[in-house]
């Protein structure tokens, strides 16, 4: 048995129990499970990358730029609020 076939056998077993009537059908099922796993992996990488990219958006921008917050007067209540 070649290395590739052995690696595929181990990967297919890692995906779950062997399903199918014969080896060919079991390989097709393992291939479908592999595609599902890859889609989950890509989705999770995209979610984590987006979270990391936007980690501190809008937080403490005044500290970074050194500017003072502007005062805005609300028309409804007449109170000042920081922007």
Protein backbone atom coordinates (compact mmCIF):
# COMPACT_ATOMS: atom_id res chain seq x y z
CA UNK A 1 0.00 0.00 0.00
CA UNK A 2 1.43 3.37 -1.03
CA UNK A 3 1.88 6.36 1.22
CA UNK A 4 -0.90 8.28 -0.51
CA UNK A 5 -3.37 5.45 -0.10
CA UNK A 6 -2.38 5.01 3.53
CA UNK A 7 -2.75 8.74 4.21
CA UNK A 8 -6.18 8.77 2.54
CA UNK A 9 -7.26 5.77 4.62
CA UNK A 10 -6.22 7.51 7.85
CA UNK A 11 -7.89 10.78 6.77
CA UNK A 12 -11.13 8.97 5.88
CA UNK A 13 -11.16 7.25 9.26
CA UNK A 14 -10.54 10.59 10.98
CA UNK A 15 -13.66 11.98 9.29
CA UNK A 16 -15.85 9.32 10.86
CA UNK A 17 -16.91 5.74 10.53
CA UNK A 18 -16.67 4.09 7.15
CA UNK A 19 -19.99 4.34 5.36
CA UNK A 20 -21.00 2.82 2.06
CA UNK A 21 -21.55 -0.58 0.51
CA UNK A 22 -18.00 -0.91 -0.84
CA UNK A 23 -14.66 0.91 -0.82
CA UNK A 24 -15.52 3.09 -3.81
CA UNK A 25 -18.70 4.39 -2.21
CA UNK A 26 -16.88 4.90 1.10
CA UNK A 27 -14.22 6.97 -0.73
CA UNK A 28 -16.91 9.14 -2.33
CA UNK A 29 -18.54 9.73 1.06
CA UNK A 30 -15.14 10.59 2.58
CA UNK A 31 -14.55 13.03 -0.30
CA UNK A 32 -17.86 14.78 0.38
CA UNK A 33 -17.02 14.97 4.09
CA UNK A 34 -13.65 16.46 3.16
CA UNK A 35 -15.33 19.18 1.08
CA UNK A 36 -17.68 19.99 3.96
CA UNK A 37 -14.71 20.18 6.34
CA UNK A 38 -12.82 22.51 3.98
CA UNK A 39 -15.87 24.79 3.65
CA UNK A 40 -16.14 24.97 7.47
CA UNK A 41 -12.43 25.72 7.73
CA UNK A 42 -12.53 28.51 5.12
CA UNK A 43 -15.62 30.04 6.76
CA UNK A 44 -14.01 30.03 10.20
CA UNK A 45 -10.78 31.55 8.88
CA UNK A 46 -12.80 34.35 7.24
CA UNK A 47 -14.70 35.03 10.46
CA UNK A 48 -11.54 35.15 12.57
CA UNK A 49 -9.71 37.31 10.01
CA UNK A 50 -12.61 39.78 9.99
CA UNK A 51 -12.66 39.90 13.80
CA UNK A 52 -8.91 40.51 13.96
CA UNK A 53 -9.06 43.14 11.21
CA UNK A 54 -11.76 45.13 13.01
CA UNK A 55 -10.52 44.43 16.55
CA UNK A 56 -10.18 48.06 17.76
CA UNK A 57 -12.16 50.03 15.18
CA UNK A 58 -13.43 53.26 16.69
CA UNK A 59 -11.98 52.68 20.13
CA UNK A 60 -9.76 55.40 21.62
CA UNK A 61 -9.23 57.22 18.33
CA UNK A 62 -8.55 60.44 20.27
CA UNK A 63 -5.58 58.80 21.97
CA UNK A 64 -4.06 57.85 18.63
CA UNK A 65 -4.59 61.20 16.88
CA UNK A 66 -4.14 63.41 19.93
CA UNK A 67 -7.23 65.51 19.15
CA UNK A 68 -9.89 66.58 21.61
CA UNK A 69 -13.45 65.34 21.19
CA UNK A 70 -15.86 67.86 19.69
CA UNK A 71 -18.92 69.06 21.58
CA UNK A 72 -22.32 68.68 19.94
CA UNK A 73 -25.50 70.21 21.26
CA UNK A 74 -28.58 68.11 20.89
CA UNK A 75 -31.55 70.01 19.44
CA UNK A 76 -34.03 68.03 21.51
CA UNK A 77 -32.67 68.19 25.05
CA UNK A 78 -30.19 71.05 24.82
CA UNK A 79 -27.48 68.99 26.50
CA UNK A 80 -23.95 68.68 25.21
CA UNK A 81 -22.64 65.28 24.23
CA UNK A 82 -19.20 64.17 23.17
CA UNK A 83 -18.81 62.93 19.66
